[in-house]
Amino acid sequence: MHERGASSDALRASEAALACTPADPRALLIWVELAAAQGRAAQALERLCELAARPDLALPLRQRAAQLLTHLNRHDEAERCHARCLAEAPDDPQILYNWAAALTAVGRLEEAERAYDRVVALAPRDADAWYNRATLRRQTATHNHVAAIEAQLRATAPGEAGRVALDYALAKELEDLGEHARSFAALKRGADARRSRLSYRVTADSEAMAGIARTFDSEWSATPRRGDPDRRPVFIVGLPRSGTTLVDRILSSHSGVVSRGESTDFAAAVTRCADGAQGKADLIRRAARIDPARLGAEYCGTLPACGAERVIDKTPLNFLYLGLIRAALPAATLIHVRRAPLDVCYAMYKTLFRMAYPFSYSLDDLAQYYIAYDALMAHWRRTLHGQLLEIDYEDLVSNQEAVSRRLIARCGLEWEPQVLNFERNTAPTFTASAAQVRQPIYTSSLGLWRHYASELAPLRARLAAAGIEMRECG
């Protein structure tokens, strides 16, 4: 039922089953997953935490509970749950891997590296462990895994899926060592192999963005609408790897702010309110007719009951929904983080996102996606009439305090100097920047693309031909 999209019916059936067997952990886990998908995350979390604490829970069910805790951005609880699983099966490489990922999210990076070391020793064919380990710190000439990664690549058959993550791991470590030509060669091998396994069409995304601009036009934006008055939401949007996590960490270092991390809750609320949309074009048409008050209330019903003045939703691709967000939540704070085009495109290209951001594995796809994103953001800039605060990553890392003060002021909060020490923020984060944001501000990534100027020349030419302002750094 759930797989056919009838998630409301599936939830009702799950509730009926749970009523008959309230002590059945399997039934409860099914209910938790369905309830969370229907915007009832607070209730789902309460029941899930109770279940995860049960000492008699079978190992496979405890593992599933830990995965759901991760999905619901409760990384501290997920780490403890994975640790309990590990106590039962200390040499299980999958449990070790999951625990290492949780350790990364909560900032225990040295422990995470040691855990990944054990995964690699126990299951050397787990290529994701090699890649995740490589991202935890800057590799050095005396402390790196380059030779071991190359040996593992030689032991991995051509065409094997694991070669992708190994190539990305090799590219990351070689870049750290300053071997840029070898790094890009490994990166391109991995990206090409990853792209060849995808059925993705970037044209579908670029057409959808153009359709959003046509539908949510100036007339639609100027029409008076009554949304939900909740002032808590803060939406941080932008491209992946543009600096959205850094802005999130700065703001969530304030005593009046909490971050829920990345969430699909706004997109899910749109889908629920759109009443059975079929495909992207139909969803866009139906979304324009949604009652904004209903949409705002649906979304705010998913916010954590934590008493915070502001609650951050740091989901980069919520830039697609900015018109709807403004209509549904007129008191929300909207922040767009920009980064120099070649730097952000290269940063996306060199990151292995797994299932997310399929446009990031081809320079051609990246160019087309960036051009469409740039056009849509220009549209929001025209129609939101100054209600969107735009922050340049380059300005933030070069003028940390001045930009941080702008961010805090836009959220309507009093200045607190601890936001300048965001690296001390102990809140978990489960993004590709999880290791970087545990460090103070650094500028070493500005203009990093220049090391690969010849390899990125076709990307640069396509962006320039589309009239994209390079805003080059470095």
Protein backbone atom coordinates (compact mmCIF):
# COMPACT_ATOMS: atom_id res chain seq x y z
CA MET A 1 0.00 0.00 0.00
CA HIS A 2 2.77 2.42 1.00
CA GLU A 3 4.78 1.58 -2.13
CA ARG A 4 1.77 2.38 -4.31
CA GLY A 5 1.71 5.85 -2.82
CA ALA A 6 -1.38 5.30 -0.66
CA SER A 7 0.59 6.20 2.46
CA SER A 8 -2.44 7.53 4.36
CA ASP A 9 -4.23 4.20 3.89
CA ALA A 10 -1.06 2.36 4.83
CA LEU A 11 -0.76 4.40 8.02
CA ARG A 12 -4.34 3.63 9.01
CA ALA A 13 -3.77 -0.06 8.38
CA SER A 14 -0.58 0.10 10.43
CA GLU A 15 -2.42 1.79 13.31
CA ALA A 16 -5.04 -0.95 13.24
CA ALA A 17 -2.37 -3.65 13.32
CA LEU A 18 -0.56 -1.90 16.16
CA ALA A 19 -3.76 -1.67 18.17
CA CYS A 20 -4.06 -5.45 17.96
CA THR A 21 -0.41 -6.10 18.88
CA PRO A 22 0.83 -3.01 20.77
CA ALA A 23 3.94 -4.79 22.07
CA ASP A 24 5.09 -6.03 18.64
CA PRO A 25 8.27 -4.08 17.78
CA ARG A 26 7.97 -4.91 14.09
CA ALA A 27 4.51 -3.38 13.91
CA LEU A 28 5.74 -0.34 15.81
CA LEU A 29 8.69 0.19 13.46
CA ILE A 30 6.37 0.05 10.45
CA TRP A 31 4.06 2.58 12.12
CA VAL A 32 6.99 4.90 12.94
CA GLU A 33 8.19 4.92 9.35
CA LEU A 34 4.71 5.62 7.96
CA ALA A 35 3.85 8.23 10.59
CA ALA A 36 7.08 10.13 9.92
CA ALA A 37 6.33 10.10 6.18
CA GLN A 38 2.93 11.64 6.91
CA GLY A 39 4.38 14.56 8.84
CA ARG A 40 3.93 13.11 12.32
CA ALA A 41 7.62 13.06 13.15
CA ALA A 42 7.22 14.17 16.79
CA GLN A 43 4.90 11.27 17.62
CA ALA A 44 7.04 8.86 15.62
CA LEU A 45 10.20 9.93 17.45
CA GLU A 46 8.65 9.56 20.88
CA ARG A 47 7.61 5.98 20.18
CA LEU A 48 10.87 5.19 18.37
CA CYS A 49 13.05 6.39 21.27
CA GLU A 50 11.02 4.26 23.69
CA LEU A 51 11.49 1.25 21.44
CA ALA A 52 15.23 1.82 20.95
CA ALA A 53 15.73 1.86 24.72
CA ARG A 54 14.19 -1.60 25.19
CA PRO A 55 16.90 -4.01 26.41
CA ASP A 56 15.13 -7.04 24.87
CA LEU A 57 14.95 -5.67 21.33
CA ALA A 58 16.32 -8.13 18.78
CA LEU A 59 19.48 -7.04 17.00
CA PRO A 60 17.98 -6.66 13.47
CA LEU A 61 15.15 -4.55 14.89
CA ARG A 62 17.56 -2.42 16.91
CA GLN A 63 19.55 -1.84 13.72
CA ARG A 64 16.38 -0.71 11.94
CA ALA A 65 15.50 1.56 14.84
CA ALA A 66 18.95 3.16 14.61
CA GLN A 67 18.51 3.74 10.87
CA LEU A 68 15.14 5.41 11.47
CA LEU A 69 16.66 7.62 14.16
CA THR A 70 19.27 8.72 11.60
CA HIS A 71 16.56 9.38 9.01
CA LEU A 72 14.74 11.56 11.56
CA ASN A 73 17.93 13.53 12.34
CA ARG A 74 18.31 12.18 15.86
CA HIS A 75 21.97 11.35 15.49
CA ASP A 76 22.93 11.25 19.18
CA GLU A 77 20.27 8.61 19.83
CA ALA A 78 21.22 6.80 16.62
CA GLU A 79 24.88 6.63 17.71
CA ARG A 80 23.91 5.13 21.07
CA CYS A 81 21.63 2.64 19.34
CA HIS A 82 24.35 1.60 16.89
CA ALA A 83 26.79 1.26 19.81
CA ARG A 84 24.39 -1.14 21.53
CA CYS A 85 24.17 -3.15 18.33
CA LEU A 86 27.96 -3.21 18.17
CA ALA A 87 28.15 -4.54 21.73
CA GLU A 88 26.16 -7.57 20.53
CA ALA A 89 28.13 -8.03 17.29
CA PRO A 90 31.51 -6.29 17.67
CA ASP A 91 32.98 -7.63 14.42
CA ASP A 92 30.00 -7.06 12.14
CA PRO A 93 31.35 -4.71 9.43
CA GLN A 94 27.91 -3.31 8.54
CA ILE A 95 27.17 -2.38 12.15
CA LEU A 96 30.66 -0.89 12.44
CA TYR A 97 30.06 1.12 9.28
CA ASN A 98 26.74 2.48 10.56
CA TRP A 99 28.32 3.36 13.90
CA ALA A 100 31.18 5.17 12.13
CA ALA A 101 28.67 7.23 10.14
CA ALA A 102 26.85 8.14 13.36
CA LEU A 103 30.14 9.08 15.04
CA THR A 104 30.87 11.39 12.12
CA ALA A 105 27.47 13.08 12.49
CA VAL A 106 28.05 13.79 16.19
CA GLY A 107 31.58 15.08 15.60
CA ARG A 108 33.64 12.25 17.07
CA LEU A 109 35.85 12.15 14.00
CA GLU A 110 38.90 10.36 15.37
CA GLU A 111 36.71 7.53 16.67
CA ALA A 112 34.94 7.44 13.32
CA GLU A 113 38.24 7.05 11.50
CA ARG A 114 39.27 4.17 13.75
CA ALA A 115 35.88 2.53 13.17
CA TYR A 116 36.28 2.86 9.40
CA ASP A 117 39.78 1.41 9.73
CA ARG A 118 38.18 -1.69 11.27
CA VAL A 119 35.53 -1.85 8.53
CA VAL A 120 38.23 -1.73 5.85
CA ALA A 121 40.21 -4.45 7.64
CA LEU A 122 37.16 -6.70 8.06
CA ALA A 123 35.49 -5.97 4.72
CA PRO A 124 37.99 -4.43 2.28
CA ARG A 125 35.43 -4.56 -0.54
CA ASP A 126 33.25 -2.02 1.30
CA ALA A 127 34.34 0.87 -0.92
CA ASP A 128 32.07 3.39 0.80
CA ALA A 129 34.09 2.92 3.98
CA TRP A 130 37.28 3.81 2.11
CA TYR A 131 35.66 6.97 0.75
CA ASN A 132 34.06 8.08 4.03
CA ARG A 133 37.35 7.58 5.85
CA ALA A 134 39.16 9.74 3.29
CA THR A 135 36.77 12.66 3.90
CA LEU A 136 37.23 12.82 7.68
CA ARG A 137 40.43 14.87 7.68
CA ARG A 138 43.06 16.40 5.46
CA GLN A 139 45.50 13.68 4.46
CA THR A 140 49.24 14.32 4.78
CA ALA A 141 52.38 12.96 3.17
CA THR A 142 53.06 10.86 6.27
CA HIS A 143 49.48 9.87 7.06
CA ASN A 144 47.37 8.87 4.07
CA HIS A 145 45.89 5.79 2.40
CA VAL A 146 46.84 6.42 -1.24
CA ALA A 147 48.92 3.29 -1.73
CA ALA A 148 46.30 1.12 -0.02
CA ILE A 149 43.48 2.60 -2.14
CA GLU A 150 45.47 2.00 -5.32
CA ALA A 151 46.12 -1.60 -4.27
CA GLN A 152 42.41 -2.09 -3.58
CA LEU A 153 41.56 -0.65 -6.99
CA ARG A 154 43.91 -3.17 -8.61
CA ALA A 155 42.11 -5.92 -6.69
CA THR A 156 38.67 -4.67 -7.85
CA ALA A 157 37.47 -5.89 -11.23
CA PRO A 158 36.74 -3.33 -13.96
CA GLY A 159 33.03 -2.47 -13.99
CA GLU A 160 32.52 -3.33 -10.32
CA ALA A 161 30.38 -0.76 -8.56
CA GLY A 162 32.91 -0.43 -5.75
CA ARG A 163 35.43 1.20 -8.06
CA VAL A 164 33.40 4.42 -8.00
CA ALA A 165 33.84 5.11 -4.29
CA LEU A 166 37.48 3.98 -4.43
CA ASP A 167 38.20 6.45 -7.23
CA TYR A 168 36.52 9.24 -5.26
CA ALA A 169 38.55 8.29 -2.18
CA LEU A 170 41.75 8.33 -4.22
CA ALA A 171 40.88 11.70 -5.77
CA LYS A 172 40.22 13.22 -2.32
CA GLU A 173 43.49 12.01 -0.83
CA LEU A 174 45.57 12.97 -3.88
CA GLU A 175 44.08 16.47 -3.82
CA ASP A 176 45.03 16.79 -0.16
CA LEU A 177 48.59 15.87 -1.15
CA GLY A 178 48.64 18.47 -3.96
CA GLU A 179 48.75 15.91 -6.78
CA HIS A 180 46.05 17.63 -8.79
CA ALA A 181 46.45 15.99 -12.20
CA ARG A 182 46.30 12.49 -10.72
CA SER A 183 43.44 13.57 -8.47
CA PHE A 184 41.26 14.79 -11.34
CA ALA A 185 42.00 11.69 -13.41
CA ALA A 186 40.73 9.48 -10.57
CA LEU A 187 37.75 11.75 -10.00
CA LYS A 188 36.71 11.68 -13.64
CA ARG A 189 36.94 7.88 -13.75
CA GLY A 190 34.67 7.63 -10.73
CA ALA A 191 32.21 10.28 -11.91
CA ASP A 192 31.96 8.80 -15.41
CA ALA A 193 31.32 5.35 -13.98
CA ARG A 194 28.70 6.69 -11.57
CA ARG A 195 26.95 8.67 -14.32
CA SER A 196 26.86 5.63 -16.62
CA ARG A 197 24.73 3.80 -14.04
CA LEU A 198 22.08 6.53 -13.85
CA SER A 199 19.00 6.98 -16.02
CA TYR A 200 18.85 10.64 -14.99
CA ARG A 201 17.98 13.36 -17.54
CA VAL A 202 19.08 16.82 -16.50
CA THR A 203 16.63 18.30 -19.04
CA ALA A 204 13.76 17.15 -16.82
CA ASP A 205 15.12 19.25 -13.96
CA SER A 206 15.90 22.31 -16.07
CA GLU A 207 12.43 22.17 -17.65
CA ALA A 208 10.86 21.85 -14.19
CA MET A 209 12.72 24.95 -12.98
CA ALA A 210 11.54 26.90 -16.00
CA GLY A 211 8.01 25.64 -15.33
CA ILE A 212 8.20 26.81 -11.72
CA ALA A 213 9.16 30.33 -12.85
CA ARG A 214 6.32 30.42 -15.39
CA THR A 215 3.74 29.19 -12.87
CA PHE A 216 4.81 31.18 -9.84
CA ASP A 217 5.12 34.36 -11.86
CA SER A 218 4.86 38.01 -10.83
CA GLU A 219 1.05 37.92 -10.95
CA TRP A 220 0.90 34.84 -8.72
CA SER A 221 3.40 36.36 -6.31
CA ALA A 222 1.48 39.67 -6.12
CA THR A 223 -1.85 37.99 -5.31
CA PRO A 224 -2.66 38.43 -1.58
CA ARG A 225 -2.62 35.13 0.31
CA ARG A 226 -3.01 34.26 3.97
CA GLY A 227 -0.44 31.73 5.14
CA ASP A 228 0.49 30.39 8.54
CA PRO A 229 1.91 33.15 10.81
CA ASP A 230 4.52 30.94 12.52
CA ARG A 231 7.79 32.92 12.78
CA ARG A 232 10.04 30.01 13.74
CA PRO A 233 11.08 28.58 10.37
CA VAL A 234 14.42 29.63 8.87
CA PHE A 235 15.05 28.18 5.42
CA ILE A 236 18.66 28.03 4.21
CA VAL A 237 18.80 27.22 0.50
CA GLY A 238 21.34 27.10 -2.30
CA LEU A 239 23.24 24.54 -4.29
CA PRO A 240 24.88 21.64 -2.46
CA ARG A 241 28.43 22.49 -1.32
CA SER A 242 27.69 26.23 -1.52
CA GLY A 243 28.12 26.90 2.21
CA THR A 244 24.62 26.18 3.47
CA THR A 245 25.94 23.94 6.26
CA LEU A 246 28.35 26.65 7.41
CA VAL A 247 25.50 29.17 7.66
CA ASP A 248 23.42 26.58 9.50
CA ARG A 249 26.20 25.99 12.05
CA ILE A 250 26.70 29.70 12.64
CA LEU A 251 23.01 30.37 13.22
CA SER A 252 22.44 27.25 15.32
CA SER A 253 25.27 28.33 17.64
CA HIS A 254 22.85 31.01 18.87
CA SER A 255 20.98 30.14 22.07
CA GLY A 256 17.62 30.86 20.47
CA VAL A 257 18.10 28.68 17.39
CA VAL A 258 18.00 24.95 16.72
CA SER A 259 18.64 23.18 13.44
CA ARG A 260 16.66 20.23 12.19
CA GLY A 261 19.30 19.65 9.51
CA GLU A 262 18.22 18.60 6.05
CA SER A 263 14.61 17.57 5.73
CA THR A 264 12.16 16.61 3.03
CA ASP A 265 9.26 17.86 5.14
CA PHE A 266 8.38 20.93 3.07
CA ALA A 267 8.48 18.99 -0.19
CA ALA A 268 6.42 16.22 1.44
CA ALA A 269 3.87 18.76 2.69
CA VAL A 270 3.56 20.17 -0.85
CA THR A 271 3.00 16.68 -2.22
CA ARG A 272 0.31 15.93 0.39
CA CYS A 273 -1.47 19.21 -0.21
CA ALA A 274 -1.27 18.79 -3.99
CA ASP A 275 -3.72 15.88 -3.74
CA GLY A 276 -2.48 13.14 -6.03
CA ALA A 277 -0.27 14.97 -8.49
CA GLN A 278 1.15 12.84 -11.28
CA GLY A 279 4.64 13.87 -12.34
CA LYS A 280 6.60 17.09 -11.96
CA ALA A 281 4.56 19.26 -14.34
CA ASP A 282 1.26 18.28 -12.69
CA LEU A 283 2.74 18.83 -9.23
CA ILE A 284 3.82 22.36 -10.20
CA ARG A 285 0.34 23.18 -11.54
CA ARG A 286 -1.42 21.79 -8.48
CA ALA A 287 1.04 23.41 -6.08
CA ALA A 288 0.06 26.85 -7.36
CA ARG A 289 -3.52 26.16 -6.22
CA ILE A 290 -2.66 24.92 -2.71
CA ASP A 291 -4.24 26.76 0.21
CA PRO A 292 -1.13 28.41 1.70
CA ALA A 293 -2.50 28.34 5.24
CA ARG A 294 -2.99 24.59 4.99
CA LEU A 295 0.50 24.11 3.56
CA GLY A 296 2.08 26.25 6.28
CA ALA A 297 0.23 24.38 9.00
CA GLU A 298 1.20 21.01 7.49
CA TYR A 299 4.84 22.00 7.53
CA CYS A 300 4.83 23.60 10.98
CA GLY A 301 3.27 20.45 12.36
CA THR A 302 6.58 18.73 11.63
CA LEU A 303 8.72 21.22 13.58
CA PRO A 304 10.30 19.94 16.81
CA ALA A 305 8.61 21.03 20.03
CA CYS A 306 11.80 22.44 21.54
CA GLY A 307 10.85 25.96 22.58
CA ALA A 308 13.39 27.58 20.24
CA GLU A 309 12.73 31.02 18.78
CA ARG A 310 13.91 29.88 15.36
CA VAL A 311 14.13 26.43 13.74
CA ILE A 312 16.43 25.98 10.76
CA ASP A 313 15.57 23.81 7.76
CA LYS A 314 18.85 23.52 5.86
CA THR A 315 17.71 21.76 2.72
CA PRO A 316 19.59 23.17 -0.28
CA LEU A 317 17.03 22.30 -2.95
CA ASN A 318 14.23 24.07 -1.14
CA PHE A 319 15.24 26.90 -3.49
CA LEU A 320 12.71 25.26 -5.81
CA TYR A 321 9.89 26.14 -3.40
CA LEU A 322 10.74 29.71 -2.39
CA GLY A 323 7.55 31.17 -3.83
CA LEU A 324 5.42 28.62 -2.03
CA ILE A 325 7.41 29.01 1.18
CA ARG A 326 6.84 32.77 1.19
CA ALA A 327 3.09 32.31 0.58
CA ALA A 328 2.66 29.54 3.15
CA LEU A 329 4.97 31.01 5.81
CA PRO A 330 5.12 34.78 5.30
CA ALA A 331 7.00 35.34 8.59
CA ALA A 332 9.69 32.75 7.84
CA THR A 333 13.30 33.81 7.28
CA LEU A 334 14.68 32.97 3.83
CA ILE A 335 18.45 32.77 3.28
CA HIS A 336 20.13 31.94 -0.01
CA VAL A 337 23.82 31.01 0.06
CA ARG A 338 25.73 31.65 -3.16
CA ARG A 339 29.20 30.54 -4.15
CA ALA A 340 31.40 31.32 -7.14
CA PRO A 341 30.08 29.15 -10.00
CA LEU A 342 33.25 27.25 -10.86
CA ASP A 343 34.10 26.60 -7.21
CA VAL A 344 30.63 25.31 -6.37
CA CYS A 345 30.38 23.20 -9.52
CA TYR A 346 33.78 21.64 -8.88
CA ALA A 347 32.87 21.08 -5.21
CA MET A 348 29.72 19.21 -6.25
CA TYR A 349 31.57 17.25 -8.93
CA LYS A 350 34.17 15.95 -6.47
CA THR A 351 31.61 14.83 -3.87
CA LEU A 352 30.09 11.36 -3.96
CA PHE A 353 26.48 12.02 -2.96
CA ARG A 354 25.28 8.48 -3.57
CA MET A 355 21.52 8.75 -4.28
CA ALA A 356 21.21 12.55 -4.15
CA TYR A 357 22.02 15.22 -6.75
CA PRO A 358 22.38 13.04 -9.86
CA PHE A 359 23.35 16.09 -11.91
CA SER A 360 26.71 16.26 -10.11
CA TYR A 361 28.46 13.40 -11.94
CA SER A 362 28.84 15.08 -15.34
CA LEU A 363 30.28 18.48 -16.17
CA ASP A 364 27.69 18.84 -18.95
CA ASP A 365 24.85 18.08 -16.53
CA LEU A 366 26.33 20.44 -13.95
CA ALA A 367 26.47 23.27 -16.48
CA GLN A 368 22.85 22.80 -17.55
CA TYR A 369 21.62 22.47 -13.97
CA TYR A 370 23.56 25.52 -12.81
CA ILE A 371 22.19 27.65 -15.64
CA ALA A 372 18.62 26.63 -14.77
CA TYR A 373 19.22 27.25 -11.05
CA ASP A 374 20.70 30.68 -11.78
CA ALA A 375 17.67 31.63 -13.87
CA LEU A 376 15.23 30.47 -11.20
CA MET A 377 17.07 32.37 -8.46
CA ALA A 378 16.97 35.51 -10.64
CA HIS A 379 13.20 34.98 -10.88
CA TRP A 380 12.81 34.68 -7.09
CA ARG A 381 14.98 37.77 -6.66
CA ARG A 382 12.48 39.72 -8.80
CA THR A 383 9.32 38.33 -7.25
CA LEU A 384 10.25 38.14 -3.56
CA HIS A 385 11.01 41.87 -3.42
CA GLY A 386 13.86 41.88 -0.93
CA GLN A 387 12.41 39.20 1.33
CA LEU A 388 15.32 36.88 0.51
CA LEU A 389 18.67 37.46 2.25
CA GLU A 390 21.51 36.43 -0.06
CA ILE A 391 24.90 35.57 1.41
CA ASP A 392 28.05 35.00 -0.64
CA TYR A 393 30.22 32.20 0.69
CA GLU A 394 33.35 34.14 -0.25
CA ASP A 395 32.18 37.15 1.76
CA LEU A 396 31.30 34.97 4.74
CA VAL A 397 34.69 33.28 5.01
CA SER A 398 36.55 36.58 4.45
CA ASN A 399 34.35 38.77 6.68
CA GLN A 400 32.99 36.31 9.20
CA GLU A 401 31.71 38.67 11.89
CA ALA A 402 30.10 41.22 9.59
CA VAL A 403 28.19 38.58 7.63
CA SER A 404 27.28 36.65 10.79
CA ARG A 405 25.78 39.82 12.25
CA ARG A 406 23.66 40.21 9.11
CA LEU A 407 22.42 36.66 9.48
CA ILE A 408 21.52 37.05 13.14
CA ALA A 409 19.81 40.38 12.53
CA ARG A 410 17.73 38.97 9.66
CA CYS A 411 16.47 36.27 12.03
CA GLY A 412 15.33 39.01 14.44
CA LEU A 413 17.68 37.88 17.20
CA GLU A 414 20.04 39.66 19.55
CA TRP A 415 23.74 39.27 18.77
CA GLU A 416 25.62 36.53 20.66
CA PRO A 417 29.40 36.36 20.15
CA GLN A 418 29.54 32.56 20.45
CA VAL A 419 28.21 32.28 16.89
CA LEU A 420 31.72 33.20 15.76
CA ASN A 421 32.97 29.96 17.32
CA PHE A 422 30.57 27.74 15.39
CA GLU A 423 33.18 24.95 15.31
CA ARG A 424 32.39 24.42 19.01
CA ASN A 425 28.74 23.77 18.16
CA THR A 426 28.11 20.26 19.49
CA ALA A 427 24.88 19.69 17.57
CA PRO A 428 25.06 16.74 15.15
CA THR A 429 25.27 17.28 11.41
CA PHE A 430 24.81 14.62 8.76
CA THR A 431 25.98 16.32 5.57
CA ALA A 432 28.92 16.06 3.20
CA SER A 433 30.44 18.93 5.22
CA ALA A 434 30.23 17.12 8.57
CA ALA A 435 34.01 17.12 9.06
CA GLN A 436 34.73 20.58 7.63
CA VAL A 437 32.28 22.44 9.88
CA ARG A 438 34.08 21.13 12.97
CA GLN A 439 36.93 23.47 11.98
CA PRO A 440 37.13 27.28 12.29
CA ILE A 441 36.58 29.42 9.17
CA TYR A 442 39.15 28.71 6.45
CA THR A 443 39.70 30.22 2.99
CA SER A 444 41.71 27.43 1.37
CA SER A 445 38.77 26.32 -0.78
CA LEU A 446 38.44 29.72 -2.49
CA GLY A 447 39.50 29.41 -6.11
CA LEU A 448 40.29 25.71 -5.73
CA TRP A 449 38.96 25.11 -9.24
CA ARG A 450 42.03 26.90 -10.67
CA HIS A 451 44.12 23.77 -10.05
CA TYR A 452 41.90 22.12 -12.68
CA ALA A 453 41.44 25.05 -15.06
CA SER A 454 42.15 23.00 -18.19
CA GLU A 455 39.92 20.09 -17.13
CA LEU A 456 37.08 22.48 -16.24
CA ALA A 457 37.46 24.67 -19.34
CA PRO A 458 34.39 23.19 -21.13
CA LEU A 459 32.25 23.83 -18.03
CA ARG A 460 33.52 27.39 -17.80
CA ALA A 461 32.82 27.99 -21.49
CA ARG A 462 29.21 26.78 -21.21
CA LEU A 463 28.53 28.92 -18.16
CA ALA A 464 30.09 31.97 -19.79
CA ALA A 465 28.07 31.43 -22.99
CA ALA A 466 24.91 31.47 -20.88
CA GLY A 467 25.88 34.82 -19.40
CA ILE A 468 26.75 33.48 -15.95
CA GLU A 469 28.85 35.94 -13.95
CA MET A 470 31.93 33.99 -12.89
CA ARG A 471 32.61 35.85 -9.62
CA GLU A 472 35.98 34.10 -9.68
CA CYS A 473 38.06 33.84 -6.55
CA GLY A 474 41.64 32.85 -5.95
